[in-house]
PDB file of N, CA and C in Angstrom:
ATOM      1  N   MET A   1      57.396 218.334  38.330  1.00  0.00           N
ATOM      2  CA  MET A   1      57.705 217.525  39.908  1.00  0.00           C
ATOM      3  C   MET A   1      56.479 217.517  40.871  1.00  0.00           C
ATOM      4  N   MET A   2      55.254 218.191  40.119  1.00  0.00           N
ATOM      5  CA  MET A   2      53.989 218.330  40.891  1.00  0.00           C
ATOM      6  C   MET A   2      53.257 217.127  39.812  1.00  0.00           C
ATOM      7  N   SER A   3      53.529 216.946  38.849  1.00  0.00           N
ATOM      8  CA  SER A   3      52.581 216.443  38.316  1.00  0.00           C
ATOM      9  C   SER A   3      52.758 214.585  39.050  1.00  0.00           C
ATOM     10  N   ASN A   4      53.365 214.451  39.738  1.00  0.00           N
ATOM     11  CA  ASN A   4      53.466 212.746  40.428  1.00  0.00           C
ATOM     12  C   ASN A   4      52.932 213.582  41.757  1.00  0.00           C
ATOM     13  N   LEU A   5      52.281 214.495  41.798  1.00  0.00           N
ATOM     14  CA  LEU A   5      52.323 214.647  43.870  1.00  0.00           C
ATOM     15  C   LEU A   5      51.215 213.450  44.233  1.00  0.00           C
ATOM     16  N   ARG A   6      50.212 213.076  43.688  1.00  0.00           N
ATOM     17  CA  ARG A   6      49.634 212.385  44.399  1.00  0.00           C
ATOM     18  C   ARG A   6      50.502 211.031  44.618  1.00  0.00           C
ATOM     19  N   SER A   7      50.922 210.197  43.485  1.00  0.00           N
ATOM     20  CA  SER A   7      51.872 209.192  44.110  1.00  0.00           C
ATOM     21  C   SER A   7      52.754 209.683  45.658  1.00  0.00           C
ATOM     22  N   GLN A   8      53.614 210.793  45.535  1.00  0.00           N
ATOM     23  CA  GLN A   8      54.610 211.254  46.260  1.00  0.00           C
ATOM     24  C   GLN A   8      53.904 211.455  47.542  1.00  0.00           C
ATOM     25  N   THR A   9      52.955 212.095  47.417  1.00  0.00           N
ATOM     26  CA  THR A   9      51.756 212.717  48.677  1.00  0.00           C
ATOM     27  C   THR A   9      51.827 211.277  49.277  1.00  0.00           C
ATOM     28  N   GLU A  10      50.760 210.003  48.741  1.00  0.00           N
ATOM     29  CA  GLU A  10      50.569 209.127  49.096  1.00  0.00           C
ATOM     30  C   GLU A  10      51.871 208.187  49.737  1.00  0.00           C
ATOM     31  N   HIS A  11      52.741 208.426  49.089  1.00  0.00           N
ATOM     32  CA  HIS A  11      54.112 207.451  49.641  1.00  0.00           C
ATOM     33  C   HIS A  11      55.037 208.048  50.696  1.00  0.00           C
ATOM     34  N   HIS A  12      54.103 209.690  51.301  1.00  0.00           N
ATOM     35  CA  HIS A  12      55.124 210.630  52.263  1.00  0.00           C
ATOM     36  C   HIS A  12      55.518 209.981  53.339  1.00  0.00           C
ATOM     37  N   LEU A  13      54.648 209.027  53.764  1.00  0.00           N
ATOM     38  CA  LEU A  13      54.577 207.987  54.851  1.00  0.00           C
ATOM     39  C   LEU A  13      55.863 207.147  54.999  1.00  0.00           C
ATOM     40  N   ASP A  14      56.475 206.816  53.522  1.00  0.00           N
ATOM     41  CA  ASP A  14      57.527 205.723  53.456  1.00  0.00           C
ATOM     42  C   ASP A  14      58.976 206.800  53.601  1.00  0.00           C
ATOM     43  N   ALA A  15      58.505 208.297  54.175  1.00  0.00           N
ATOM     44  CA  ALA A  15      60.136 208.786  54.548  1.00  0.00           C
ATOM     45  C   ALA A  15      60.790 208.185  55.490  1.00  0.00           C
ATOM     46  N   ASP A  16      61.729 208.096  56.182  1.00  0.00           N
ATOM     47  CA  ASP A  16      62.506 207.784  56.576  1.00  0.00           C
ATOM     48  C   ASP A  16      62.409 208.492  57.820  1.00  0.00           C
ATOM     49  N   SER A  17      61.864 208.451  59.196  1.00  0.00           N
ATOM     50  CA  SER A  17      61.949 208.655  60.317  1.00  0.00           C
ATOM     51  C   SER A  17      63.277 208.070  60.745  1.00  0.00           C
ATOM     52  N   VAL A  18      64.067 209.008  61.618  1.00  0.00           N
ATOM     53  CA  VAL A  18      65.136 208.755  62.525  1.00  0.00           C
ATOM     54  C   VAL A  18      65.183 209.684  63.730  1.00  0.00           C
ATOM     55  N   GLY A  19      64.566 208.305  65.015  1.00  0.00           N
ATOM     56  CA  GLY A  19      64.833 208.629  66.166  1.00  0.00           C
ATOM     57  C   GLY A  19      63.187 209.064  66.405  1.00  0.00           C
ATOM     58  N   ALA A  20      62.068 208.820  65.559  1.00  0.00           N
ATOM     59  CA  ALA A  20      61.144 209.146  66.159  1.00  0.00           C
ATOM     60  C   ALA A  20      59.803 208.257  66.467  1.00  0.00           C
ATOM     61  N   ASP A  21      60.532 207.181  66.926  1.00  0.00           N
ATOM     62  CA  ASP A  21      59.696 206.170  67.917  1.00  0.00           C
ATOM     63  C   ASP A  21      58.704 206.948  69.061  1.00  0.00           C
ATOM     64  N   ASN A  22      58.796 207.833  69.578  1.00  0.00           N
ATOM     65  CA  ASN A  22      58.031 208.364  70.756  1.00  0.00           C
ATOM     66  C   ASN A  22      57.713 209.351  70.277  1.00  0.00           C
ATOM     67  N   MET A  23      57.795 210.491  69.339  1.00  0.00           N
ATOM     68  CA  MET A  23      57.947 211.670  68.819  1.00  0.00           C
ATOM     69  C   MET A  23      56.531 212.344  69.376  1.00  0.00           C
ATOM     70  N   GLU A  24      55.541 211.744  69.480  1.00  0.00           N
ATOM     71  CA  GLU A  24      54.024 212.216  69.617  1.00  0.00           C
ATOM     72  C   GLU A  24      54.412 212.395  71.079  1.00  0.00           C
ATOM     73  N   ASP A  25      54.922 211.071  71.812  1.00  0.00           N
ATOM     74  CA  ASP A  25      54.537 211.420  73.170  1.00  0.00           C
ATOM     75  C   ASP A  25      55.912 212.889  73.325  1.00  0.00           C
ATOM     76  N   ASN A  26      56.636 213.184  72.896  1.00  0.00           N
ATOM     77  CA  ASN A  26      57.470 213.916  73.364  1.00  0.00           C
ATOM     78  C   ASN A  26      57.020 215.545  72.986  1.00  0.00           C
ATOM     79  N   ILE A  27      56.138 215.526  72.204  1.00  0.00           N
ATOM     80  CA  ILE A  27      55.743 216.990  71.519  1.00  0.00           C
ATOM     81  C   ILE A  27      54.442 217.161  71.952  1.00  0.00           C
ATOM     82  N   GLU A  28      54.196 218.637  72.320  1.00  0.00           N
ATOM     83  CA  GLU A  28      53.010 219.117  72.692  1.00  0.00           C
ATOM     84  C   GLU A  28      52.337 220.014  71.625  1.00  0.00           C
ATOM     85  N   ASN A  29      51.360 219.988  71.767  1.00  0.00           N
ATOM     86  CA  ASN A  29      50.811 221.077  70.577  1.00  0.00           C
ATOM     87  C   ASN A  29      49.204 221.317  71.025  1.00  0.00           C
ATOM     88  N   SER A  30      49.341 222.732  71.678  1.00  0.00           N
ATOM     89  CA  SER A  30      48.021 222.778  72.211  1.00  0.00           C
ATOM     90  C   SER A  30      46.967 223.250  71.422  1.00  0.00           C
ATOM     91  N   SER A  31      47.780 223.759  70.151  1.00  0.00           N
ATOM     92  CA  SER A  31      46.603 224.276  69.002  1.00  0.00           C
ATOM     93  C   SER A  31      46.032 223.126  68.245  1.00  0.00           C
ATOM     94  N   SER A  32      46.155 222.059  68.550  1.00  0.00           N
ATOM     95  CA  SER A  32      45.626 221.129  67.518  1.00  0.00           C
ATOM     96  C   SER A  32      43.914 221.046  67.409  1.00  0.00           C
ATOM     97  N   HIS A  33      44.048 220.492  66.116  1.00  0.00           N
ATOM     98  CA  HIS A  33      42.273 220.658  65.477  1.00  0.00           C
ATOM     99  C   HIS A  33      41.816 219.340  65.269  1.00  0.00           C
ATOM    100  N   ASN A  34      40.565 218.890  65.339  1.00  0.00           N
ATOM    101  CA  ASN A  34      40.144 217.709  64.188  1.00  0.00           C
ATOM    102  C   ASN A  34      40.025 217.819  63.238  1.00  0.00           C
ATOM    103  N   ASN A  35      40.844 216.815  62.367  1.00  0.00           N
ATOM    104  CA  ASN A  35      40.764 217.113  61.114  1.00  0.00           C
ATOM    105  C   ASN A  35      40.015 216.071  60.376  1.00  0.00           C
ATOM    106  N   GLU A  36      39.023 215.665  61.031  1.00  0.00           N
ATOM    107  CA  GLU A  36      38.043 214.701  60.557  1.00  0.00           C
ATOM    108  C   GLU A  36      37.133 215.112  59.937  1.00  0.00           C
ATOM    109  N   GLY A  37      37.821 216.317  58.861  1.00  0.00           N
ATOM    110  CA  GLY A  37      36.565 217.210  58.232  1.00  0.00           C
ATOM    111  C   GLY A  37      35.947 218.544  58.850  1.00  0.00           C
ATOM    112  N   GLY A  38      36.320 218.401  59.858  1.00  0.00           N
ATOM    113  CA  GLY A  38      35.754 219.728  60.598  1.00  0.00           C
ATOM    114  C   GLY A  38      36.252 220.953  60.588  1.00  0.00           C
ATOM    115  N   ARG A  39      37.377 220.774  60.017  1.00  0.00           N
ATOM    116  CA  ARG A  39      38.490 222.131  59.985  1.00  0.00           C
ATOM    117  C   ARG A  39      38.364 222.770  58.416  1.00  0.00           C
ATOM    118  N   THR A  40      38.125 223.825  58.510  1.00  0.00           N
ATOM    119  CA  THR A  40      37.938 224.750  57.379  1.00  0.00           C
ATOM    120  C   THR A  40      39.277 225.026  56.602  1.00  0.00           C
ATOM    121  N   ARG A  41      39.066 225.216  55.326  1.00  0.00           N
ATOM    122  CA  ARG A  41      40.436 225.158  54.603  1.00  0.00           C
ATOM    123  C   ARG A  41      40.814 226.575  54.479  1.00  0.00           C
ATOM    124  N   ASP A  42      40.529 227.564  55.316  1.00  0.00           N
ATOM    125  CA  ASP A  42      40.859 228.878  55.260  1.00  0.00           C
ATOM    126  C   ASP A  42      41.506 229.421  56.568  1.00  0.00           C
ATOM    127  N   LYS A  43      42.108 228.317  57.042  1.00  0.00           N
ATOM    128  CA  LYS A  43      42.971 229.038  58.648  1.00  0.00           C
ATOM    129  C   LYS A  43      44.412 228.632  58.048  1.00  0.00           C
ATOM    130  N   THR A  44      45.059 229.600  58.666  1.00  0.00           N
ATOM    131  CA  THR A  44      46.782 229.789  58.460  1.00  0.00           C
ATOM    132  C   THR A  44      47.354 228.639  59.122  1.00  0.00           C
ATOM    133  N   ALA A  45      48.213 227.780  58.635  1.00  0.00           N
ATOM    134  CA  ALA A  45      48.874 227.199  59.449  1.00  0.00           C
ATOM    135  C   ALA A  45      50.352 227.433  59.617  1.00  0.00           C
ATOM    136  N   SER A  46      51.281 226.938  60.799  1.00  0.00           N
ATOM    137  CA  SER A  46      52.555 227.048  60.632  1.00  0.00           C
ATOM    138  C   SER A  46      53.405 225.797  60.985  1.00  0.00           C
ATOM    139  N   LEU A  47      54.643 225.862  60.827  1.00  0.00           N
ATOM    140  CA  LEU A  47      55.166 224.624  61.450  1.00  0.00           C
ATOM    141  C   LEU A  47      55.810 224.587  62.755  1.00  0.00           C
ATOM    142  N   ASN A  48      55.346 223.834  63.418  1.00  0.00           N
ATOM    143  CA  ASN A  48      55.492 223.322  64.789  1.00  0.00           C
ATOM    144  C   ASN A  48      56.828 223.831  65.161  1.00  0.00           C
ATOM    145  N   PRO A  49      56.956 224.908  66.122  1.00  0.00           N
ATOM    146  CA  PRO A  49      58.342 225.281  66.545  1.00  0.00           C
ATOM    147  C   PRO A  49      59.285 224.481  67.217  1.00  0.00           C
ATOM    148  N   LEU A  50      58.786 223.069  67.433  1.00  0.00           N
ATOM    149  CA  LEU A  50      59.741 222.235  67.827  1.00  0.00           C
ATOM    150  C   LEU A  50      60.379 221.213  66.418  1.00  0.00           C
ATOM    151  N   PHE A  51      59.900 221.816  65.319  1.00  0.00           N
ATOM    152  CA  PHE A  51      60.692 221.362  63.941  1.00  0.00           C
ATOM    153  C   PHE A  51      61.567 222.888  63.352  1.00  0.00           C
ATOM    154  N   ARG A  52      62.051 221.839  62.618  1.00  0.00           N
ATOM    155  CA  ARG A  52      62.664 222.941  61.901  1.00  0.00           C
ATOM    156  C   ARG A  52      62.967 222.206  60.276  1.00  0.00           C
ATOM    157  N   MET A  53      62.893 222.870  59.261  1.00  0.00           N
ATOM    158  CA  MET A  53      62.650 222.221  58.109  1.00  0.00           C
ATOM    159  C   MET A  53      63.932 223.006  57.560  1.00  0.00           C
ATOM    160  N   GLN A  54      64.917 222.199  56.358  1.00  0.00           N
ATOM    161  CA  GLN A  54      66.031 222.376  55.916  1.00  0.00           C
ATOM    162  C   GLN A  54      66.386 221.608  54.478  1.00  0.00           C
ATOM    163  N   TYR A  55      67.042 222.033  53.718  1.00  0.00           N
ATOM    164  CA  TYR A  55      67.493 221.111  52.982  1.00  0.00           C
ATOM    165  C   TYR A  55      68.832 220.391  53.439  1.00  0.00           C
ATOM    166  N   GLU A  56      69.147 219.258  53.344  1.00  0.00           N
ATOM    167  CA  GLU A  56      70.669 218.528  53.830  1.00  0.00           C
ATOM    168  C   GLU A  56      70.779 217.696  52.740  1.00  0.00           C
ATOM    169  N   LYS A  57      72.002 218.473  52.280  1.00  0.00           N
ATOM    170  CA  LYS A  57      72.631 218.202  50.999  1.00  0.00           C
ATOM    171  C   LYS A  57      73.348 216.619  51.471  1.00  0.00           C
ATOM    172  N   ALA A  58      73.375 216.180  52.384  1.00  0.00           N
ATOM    173  CA  ALA A  58      73.821 214.906  52.913  1.00  0.00           C
ATOM    174  C   ALA A  58      73.144 213.679  52.354  1.00  0.00           C
ATOM    175  N   GLN A  59      71.826 214.296  52.801  1.00  0.00           N
ATOM    176  CA  GLN A  59      70.610 213.020  52.417  1.00  0.00           C
ATOM    177  C   GLN A  59      69.914 213.468  51.083  1.00  0.00           C
ATOM    178  N   GLY A  60      70.481 214.365  50.390  1.00  0.00           N
ATOM    179  CA  GLY A  60      69.674 214.903  49.063  1.00  0.00           C
ATOM    180  C   GLY A  60      68.118 215.300  49.064  1.00  0.00           C
ATOM    181  N   CYS A  61      67.582 215.773  50.452  1.00  0.00           N
ATOM    182  CA  CYS A  61      66.580 216.150  50.265  1.00  0.00           C
ATOM    183  C   CYS A  61      66.225 217.283  51.607  1.00  0.00           C
ATOM    184  N   TYR A  62      64.896 217.383  51.622  1.00  0.00           N
ATOM    185  CA  TYR A  62      64.403 218.493  52.394  1.00  0.00           C
ATOM    186  C   TYR A  62      63.838 217.572  53.646  1.00  0.00           C
ATOM    187  N   VAL A  63      64.237 218.249  55.181  1.00  0.00           N
ATOM    188  CA  VAL A  63      64.132 217.022  56.012  1.00  0.00           C
ATOM    189  C   VAL A  63      63.415 218.113  57.105  1.00  0.00           C
ATOM    190  N   LEU A  64      62.758 217.280  58.149  1.00  0.00           N
ATOM    191  CA  LEU A  64      62.526 218.184  59.284  1.00  0.00           C
ATOM    192  C   LEU A  64      63.077 217.752  60.522  1.00  0.00           C
ATOM    193  N   LEU A  65      63.700 218.881  61.151  1.00  0.00           N
ATOM    194  CA  LEU A  65      64.651 218.422  62.103  1.00  0.00           C
ATOM    195  C   LEU A  65      63.641 218.326  63.719  1.00  0.00           C
ATOM    196  N   PHE A  66      63.718 217.362  64.385  1.00  0.00           N
ATOM    197  CA  PHE A  66      63.617 217.738  65.249  1.00  0.00           C
ATOM    198  C   PHE A  66      64.138 217.234  66.746  1.00  0.00           C
ATOM    199  N   PRO A  67      64.397 217.367  67.960  1.00  0.00           N
ATOM    200  CA  PRO A  67      64.924 217.032  69.084  1.00  0.00           C
ATOM    201  C   PRO A  67      65.323 215.613  69.101  1.00  0.00           C
ATOM    202  N   GLU A  68      64.864 214.942  68.524  1.00  0.00           N
ATOM    203  CA  GLU A  68      64.949 213.334  68.676  1.00  0.00           C
ATOM    204  C   GLU A  68      65.406 212.714  67.581  1.00  0.00           C
ATOM    205  N   GLY A  69      65.761 213.581  66.436  1.00  0.00           N
ATOM    206  CA  GLY A  69      65.589 213.053  65.445  1.00  0.00           C
ATOM    207  C   GLY A  69      65.653 213.648  63.893  1.00  0.00           C
ATOM    208  N   MET A  70      65.113 213.035  62.786  1.00  0.00           N
ATOM    209  CA  MET A  70      65.022 213.882  61.694  1.00  0.00           C
ATOM    210  C   MET A  70      63.931 213.104  60.634  1.00  0.00           C
ATOM    211  N   ILE A  71      63.196 213.702  59.871  1.00  0.00           N
ATOM    212  CA  ILE A  71      62.143 213.035  58.856  1.00  0.00           C
ATOM    213  C   ILE A  71      62.673 213.607  57.449  1.00  0.00           C
ATOM    214  N   LYS A  72      62.975 212.578  56.767  1.00  0.00           N
ATOM    215  CA  LYS A  72      63.220 213.443  55.183  1.00  0.00           C
ATOM    216  C   LYS A  72      61.751 213.265  54.572  1.00  0.00           C
ATOM    217  N   LEU A  73      61.777 214.199  53.863  1.00  0.00           N
ATOM    218  CA  LEU A  73      60.375 214.773  53.323  1.00  0.00           C
ATOM    219  C   LEU A  73      60.617 214.381  51.211  1.00  0.00           C
ATOM    220  N   ASN A  74      59.845 213.855  50.869  1.00  0.00           N
ATOM    221  CA  ASN A  74      60.093 213.608  49.342  1.00  0.00           C
ATOM    222  C   ASN A  74      59.654 215.112  49.100  1.00  0.00           C
ATOM    223  N   PRO A  75      60.129 214.980  47.662  1.00  0.00           N
ATOM    224  CA  PRO A  75      59.753 216.560  46.924  1.00  0.00           C
ATOM    225  C   PRO A  75      58.401 217.201  47.361  1.00  0.00           C
ATOM    226  N   SER A  76      57.054 216.301  46.660  1.00  0.00           N
ATOM    227  CA  SER A  76      55.964 217.069  47.333  1.00  0.00           C
ATOM    228  C   SER A  76      55.998 217.357  48.665  1.00  0.00           C
ATOM    229  N   ALA A  77      56.043 216.708  49.899  1.00  0.00           N
ATOM    230  CA  ALA A  77      56.004 217.158  50.651  1.00  0.00           C
ATOM    231  C   ALA A  77      56.515 218.562  51.442  1.00  0.00           C
ATOM    232  N   ALA A  78      57.880 218.332  50.419  1.00  0.00           N
ATOM    233  CA  ALA A  78      58.475 219.275  50.986  1.00  0.00           C
ATOM    234  C   ALA A  78      57.950 220.968  50.034  1.00  0.00           C
ATOM    235  N   GLU A  79      57.406 220.793  49.085  1.00  0.00           N
ATOM    236  CA  GLU A  79      56.887 221.702  48.085  1.00  0.00           C
ATOM    237  C   GLU A  79      55.558 222.537  49.035  1.00  0.00           C
ATOM    238  N   ILE A  80      54.811 221.575  49.592  1.00  0.00           N
ATOM    239  CA  ILE A  80      53.793 221.992  50.360  1.00  0.00           C
ATOM    240  C   ILE A  80      53.993 222.571  51.797  1.00  0.00           C
ATOM    241  N   LEU A  81      55.369 221.935  52.467  1.00  0.00           N
ATOM    242  CA  LEU A  81      55.378 222.692  53.679  1.00  0.00           C
ATOM    243  C   LEU A  81      56.628 223.889  53.740  1.00  0.00           C
ATOM    244  N   LYS A  82      56.813 223.718  52.381  1.00  0.00           N
ATOM    245  CA  LYS A  82      57.581 225.315  52.389  1.00  0.00           C
ATOM    246  C   LYS A  82      56.869 226.581  51.968  1.00  0.00           C
ATOM    247  N   ARG A  83      55.335 226.066  52.169  1.00  0.00           N
ATOM    248  CA  ARG A  83      54.553 227.132  52.204  1.00  0.00           C
ATOM    249  C   ARG A  83      53.654 227.553  53.603  1.00  0.00           C
ATOM    250  N   VAL A  84      53.767 226.600  54.169  1.00  0.00           N
ATOM    251  CA  VAL A  84      53.087 226.819  55.527  1.00  0.00           C
ATOM    252  C   VAL A  84      53.832 227.599  56.333  1.00  0.00           C
ATOM    253  N   ASP A  85      53.742 228.959  56.494  1.00  0.00           N
ATOM    254  CA  ASP A  85      54.511 229.746  57.122  1.00  0.00           C
ATOM    255  C   ASP A  85      53.690 230.373  57.737  1.00  0.00           C
ATOM    256  N   GLY A  86      52.598 230.138  58.365  1.00  0.00           N
ATOM    257  CA  GLY A  86      51.837 231.024  59.152  1.00  0.00           C
ATOM    258  C   GLY A  86      51.149 232.300  58.655  1.00  0.00           C
ATOM    259  N   SER A  87      51.070 232.511  57.224  1.00  0.00           N
ATOM    260  CA  SER A  87      50.150 233.534  56.689  1.00  0.00           C
ATOM    261  C   SER A  87      49.317 232.844  55.495  1.00  0.00           C
ATOM    262  N   ASN A  88      49.885 231.501  55.006  1.00  0.00           N
ATOM    263  CA  ASN A  88      48.848 231.006  54.151  1.00  0.00           C
ATOM    264  C   ASN A  88      47.887 230.130  54.382  1.00  0.00           C
ATOM    265  N   THR A  89      46.751 230.394  53.827  1.00  0.00           N
ATOM    266  CA  THR A  89      45.957 229.539  53.953  1.00  0.00           C
ATOM    267  C   THR A  89      46.015 227.887  53.222  1.00  0.00           C
ATOM    268  N   GLU A  90      45.188 226.957  53.522  1.00  0.00           N
ATOM    269  CA  GLU A  90      45.508 225.623  52.685  1.00  0.00           C
ATOM    270  C   GLU A  90      44.962 225.810  51.225  1.00  0.00           C
ATOM    271  N   ASN A  91      43.944 226.977  51.148  1.00  0.00           N
ATOM    272  CA  ASN A  91      43.753 227.227  49.983  1.00  0.00           C
ATOM    273  C   ASN A  91      44.479 228.175  49.075  1.00  0.00           C
ATOM    274  N   ALA A  92      45.515 229.287  49.585  1.00  0.00           N
ATOM    275  CA  ALA A  92      46.091 229.655  49.093  1.00  0.00           C
ATOM    276  C   ALA A  92      47.735 228.970  48.593  1.00  0.00           C
ATOM    277  N   ILE A  93      47.920 227.991  49.612  1.00  0.00           N
ATOM    278  CA  ILE A  93      49.178 227.043  49.204  1.00  0.00           C
ATOM    279  C   ILE A  93      48.781 226.204  48.102  1.00  0.00           C
ATOM    280  N   CYS A  94      47.532 225.647  47.951  1.00  0.00           N
ATOM    281  CA  CYS A  94      46.980 225.405  46.566  1.00  0.00           C
ATOM    282  C   CYS A  94      47.107 226.100  45.504  1.00  0.00           C
ATOM    283  N   ALA A  95      46.911 227.205  45.708  1.00  0.00           N
ATOM    284  CA  ALA A  95      46.789 228.423  44.288  1.00  0.00           C
ATOM    285  C   ALA A  95      48.247 228.342  43.876  1.00  0.00           C
ATOM    286  N   GLU A  96      49.266 228.425  44.899  1.00  0.00           N
ATOM    287  CA  GLU A  96      50.732 228.740  44.722  1.00  0.00           C
ATOM    288  C   GLU A  96      51.119 227.499  43.973  1.00  0.00           C
ATOM    289  N   LEU A  97      50.622 226.403  44.514  1.00  0.00           N
ATOM    290  CA  LEU A  97      51.081 225.298  44.300  1.00  0.00           C
ATOM    291  C   LEU A  97      50.699 224.967  42.320  1.00  0.00           C
ATOM    292  N   ARG A  98      49.254 225.362  42.316  1.00  0.00           N
ATOM    293  CA  ARG A  98      49.141 225.452  41.248  1.00  0.00           C
ATOM    294  C   ARG A  98      49.739 226.433  40.377  1.00  0.00           C
ATOM    295  N   GLN A  99      50.209 227.372  40.398  1.00  0.00           N
ATOM    296  CA  GLN A  99      50.786 228.544  39.719  1.00  0.00           C
ATOM    297  C   GLN A  99      52.413 227.983  39.471  1.00  0.00           C
ATOM    298  N   ALA A 100      53.106 227.447  40.447  1.00  0.00           N
ATOM    299  CA  ALA A 100      54.647 227.043  40.557  1.00  0.00           C
ATOM    300  C   ALA A 100      54.330 225.979  39.347  1.00  0.00           C
ATOM    301  N   PHE A 101      53.578 224.760  39.331  1.00  0.00           N
ATOM    302  CA  PHE A 101      53.424 223.373  38.624  1.00  0.00           C
ATOM    303  C   PHE A 101      52.022 223.594  38.127  1.00  0.00           C
ATOM    304  N   PRO A 102      52.048 223.960  36.974  1.00  0.00           N
ATOM    305  CA  PRO A 102      50.990 224.076  36.248  1.00  0.00           C
ATOM    306  C   PRO A 102      50.252 223.188  35.586  1.00  0.00           C
ATOM    307  N   ASP A 103      50.986 221.812  35.278  1.00  0.00           N
ATOM    308  CA  ASP A 103      50.840 220.599  35.207  1.00  0.00           C
ATOM    309  C   ASP A 103      50.522 219.409  36.212  1.00  0.00           C
ATOM    310  N   ALA A 104      50.145 219.687  37.403  1.00  0.00           N
ATOM    311  CA  ALA A 104      49.959 219.306  38.312  1.00  0.00           C
ATOM    312  C   ALA A 104      48.383 218.617  38.249  1.00  0.00           C
ATOM    313  N   PRO A 105      48.414 217.747  38.831  1.00  0.00           N
ATOM    314  CA  PRO A 105      47.087 216.943  38.425  1.00  0.00           C
ATOM    315  C   PRO A 105      45.671 217.405  39.205  1.00  0.00           C
ATOM    316  N   GLU A 106      44.444 217.456  38.634  1.00  0.00           N
ATOM    317  CA  GLU A 106      43.310 217.746  38.875  1.00  0.00           C
ATOM    318  C   GLU A 106      42.668 217.936  40.432  1.00  0.00           C
ATOM    319  N   ASP A 107      43.424 217.143  40.672  1.00  0.00           N
ATOM    320  CA  ASP A 107      42.872 216.831  42.075  1.00  0.00           C
ATOM    321  C   ASP A 107      44.189 216.933  43.048  1.00  0.00           C
ATOM    322  N   LEU A 108      44.964 218.009  43.267  1.00  0.00           N
ATOM    323  CA  LEU A 108      45.894 218.767  43.988  1.00  0.00           C
ATOM    324  C   LEU A 108      45.115 219.051  45.166  1.00  0.00           C
ATOM    325  N   GLU A 109      44.612 219.847  44.861  1.00  0.00           N
ATOM    326  CA  GLU A 109      43.599 220.548  46.383  1.00  0.00           C
ATOM    327  C   GLU A 109      43.435 219.119  47.470  1.00  0.00           C
ATOM    328  N   GLU A 110      42.815 217.944  47.168  1.00  0.00           N
ATOM    329  CA  GLU A 110      42.441 216.630  47.847  1.00  0.00           C
ATOM    330  C   GLU A 110      44.040 216.361  48.249  1.00  0.00           C
ATOM    331  N   ASP A 111      45.105 216.543  47.204  1.00  0.00           N
ATOM    332  CA  ASP A 111      46.407 215.679  48.079  1.00  0.00           C
ATOM    333  C   ASP A 111      46.835 216.740  48.883  1.00  0.00           C
ATOM    334  N   VAL A 112      46.734 217.964  48.548  1.00  0.00           N
ATOM    335  CA  VAL A 112      47.462 219.039  49.618  1.00  0.00           C
ATOM    336  C   VAL A 112      46.720 219.022  50.718  1.00  0.00           C
ATOM    337  N   HIS A 113      45.633 218.775  50.782  1.00  0.00           N
ATOM    338  CA  HIS A 113      44.544 218.746  52.036  1.00  0.00           C
ATOM    339  C   HIS A 113      44.534 217.225  52.830  1.00  0.00           C
ATOM    340  N   ALA A 114      45.035 216.214  52.512  1.00  0.00           N
ATOM    341  CA  ALA A 114      45.601 214.925  52.932  1.00  0.00           C
ATOM    342  C   ALA A 114      46.651 215.103  53.650  1.00  0.00           C
ATOM    343  N   PHE A 115      47.633 215.579  52.800  1.00  0.00           N
ATOM    344  CA  PHE A 115      49.045 215.674  53.398  1.00  0.00           C
ATOM    345  C   PHE A 115      48.974 216.574  54.805  1.00  0.00           C
ATOM    346  N   LEU A 116      48.470 217.778  54.523  1.00  0.00           N
ATOM    347  CA  LEU A 116      48.057 218.809  55.736  1.00  0.00           C
ATOM    348  C   LEU A 116      47.422 217.899  57.195  1.00  0.00           C
ATOM    349  N   VAL A 117      46.503 217.089  57.148  1.00  0.00           N
ATOM    350  CA  VAL A 117      45.820 216.757  57.732  1.00  0.00           C
ATOM    351  C   VAL A 117      46.541 215.453  58.718  1.00  0.00           C
ATOM    352  N   HIS A 118      47.623 214.751  57.655  1.00  0.00           N
ATOM    353  CA  HIS A 118      48.688 213.785  58.103  1.00  0.00           C
ATOM    354  C   HIS A 118      49.534 214.747  58.714  1.00  0.00           C
ATOM    355  N   ALA A 119      50.110 215.847  58.321  1.00  0.00           N
ATOM    356  CA  ALA A 119      51.214 216.887  58.958  1.00  0.00           C
ATOM    357  C   ALA A 119      50.711 217.104  60.286  1.00  0.00           C
ATOM    358  N   GLU A 120      49.287 217.620  60.792  1.00  0.00           N
ATOM    359  CA  GLU A 120      49.045 217.807  61.521  1.00  0.00           C
ATOM    360  C   GLU A 120      48.838 217.203  63.088  1.00  0.00           C
ATOM    361  N   GLN A 121      48.339 215.748  62.493  1.00  0.00           N
ATOM    362  CA  GLN A 121      48.024 214.593  63.117  1.00  0.00           C
ATOM    363  C   GLN A 121      49.413 214.311  63.802  1.00  0.00           C
ATOM    364  N   LYS A 122      50.456 214.272  63.052  1.00  0.00           N
ATOM    365  CA  LYS A 122      52.028 213.936  63.406  1.00  0.00           C
ATOM    366  C   LYS A 122      52.653 215.286  64.060  1.00  0.00           C
ATOM    367  N   LYS A 123      51.730 216.518  64.305  1.00  0.00           N
ATOM    368  CA  LYS A 123      52.330 217.488  64.952  1.00  0.00           C
ATOM    369  C   LYS A 123      53.301 218.325  64.416  1.00  0.00           C
ATOM    370  N   TRP A 124      53.532 218.112  63.138  1.00  0.00           N
ATOM    371  CA  TRP A 124      54.498 218.829  62.529  1.00  0.00           C
ATOM    372  C   TRP A 124      54.216 220.494  62.001  1.00  0.00           C
ATOM    373  N   ILE A 125      52.800 220.501  62.098  1.00  0.00           N
ATOM    374  CA  ILE A 125      51.818 222.064  61.837  1.00  0.00           C
ATOM    375  C   ILE A 125      51.173 222.162  62.685  1.00  0.00           C
ATOM    376  N   ARG A 126      50.596 223.184  62.753  1.00  0.00           N
ATOM    377  CA  ARG A 126      49.512 223.643  63.785  1.00  0.00           C
ATOM    378  C   ARG A 126      49.026 224.326  63.058  1.00  0.00           C
ATOM    379  N   TYR A 127      47.823 224.711  63.609  1.00  0.00           N
ATOM    380  CA  TYR A 127      46.514 225.908  62.892  1.00  0.00           C
ATOM    381  C   TYR A 127      46.198 226.780  64.226  1.00  0.00           C
ATOM    382  N   ASP A 128      46.675 228.509  63.320  1.00  0.00           N
ATOM    383  CA  ASP A 128      46.335 229.656  64.192  1.00  0.00           C
ATOM    384  C   ASP A 128      44.739 229.517  64.450  1.00  0.00           C
ATOM    385  N   GLU A 129      44.042 230.069  65.627  1.00  0.00           N
ATOM    386  CA  GLU A 129      43.202 230.125  66.073  1.00  0.00           C
ATOM    387  C   GLU A 129      42.375 231.119  65.582  1.00  0.00           C
TER     388      GLU A 129
END
């Protein structure tokens, strides 16, 4: 599964967003960080409380639910977000993924970082101070 993390992470934007047209306007996140390289990889992240991640049998995948709709997650995005629990740092998430998926590509850390930057920008996750 994680052997194609790069291609799936790059295409996580292809996931269907249902009802997400004005999502950024409707979600406040006071603990946002600038992710243009300024954030360290040792801060812990948690799912924004306005979202709930769950497996949807009807969709055949994990989704992020929020008041205005849902976002379908590809398997790689789901594996990363499962580990965003408020106690794992980005480095710990990468270590867990390497252990769970030993055949993951060498640039797994870069892919995870890129996805987490995107997830924070979309306000799916937030970093603890």
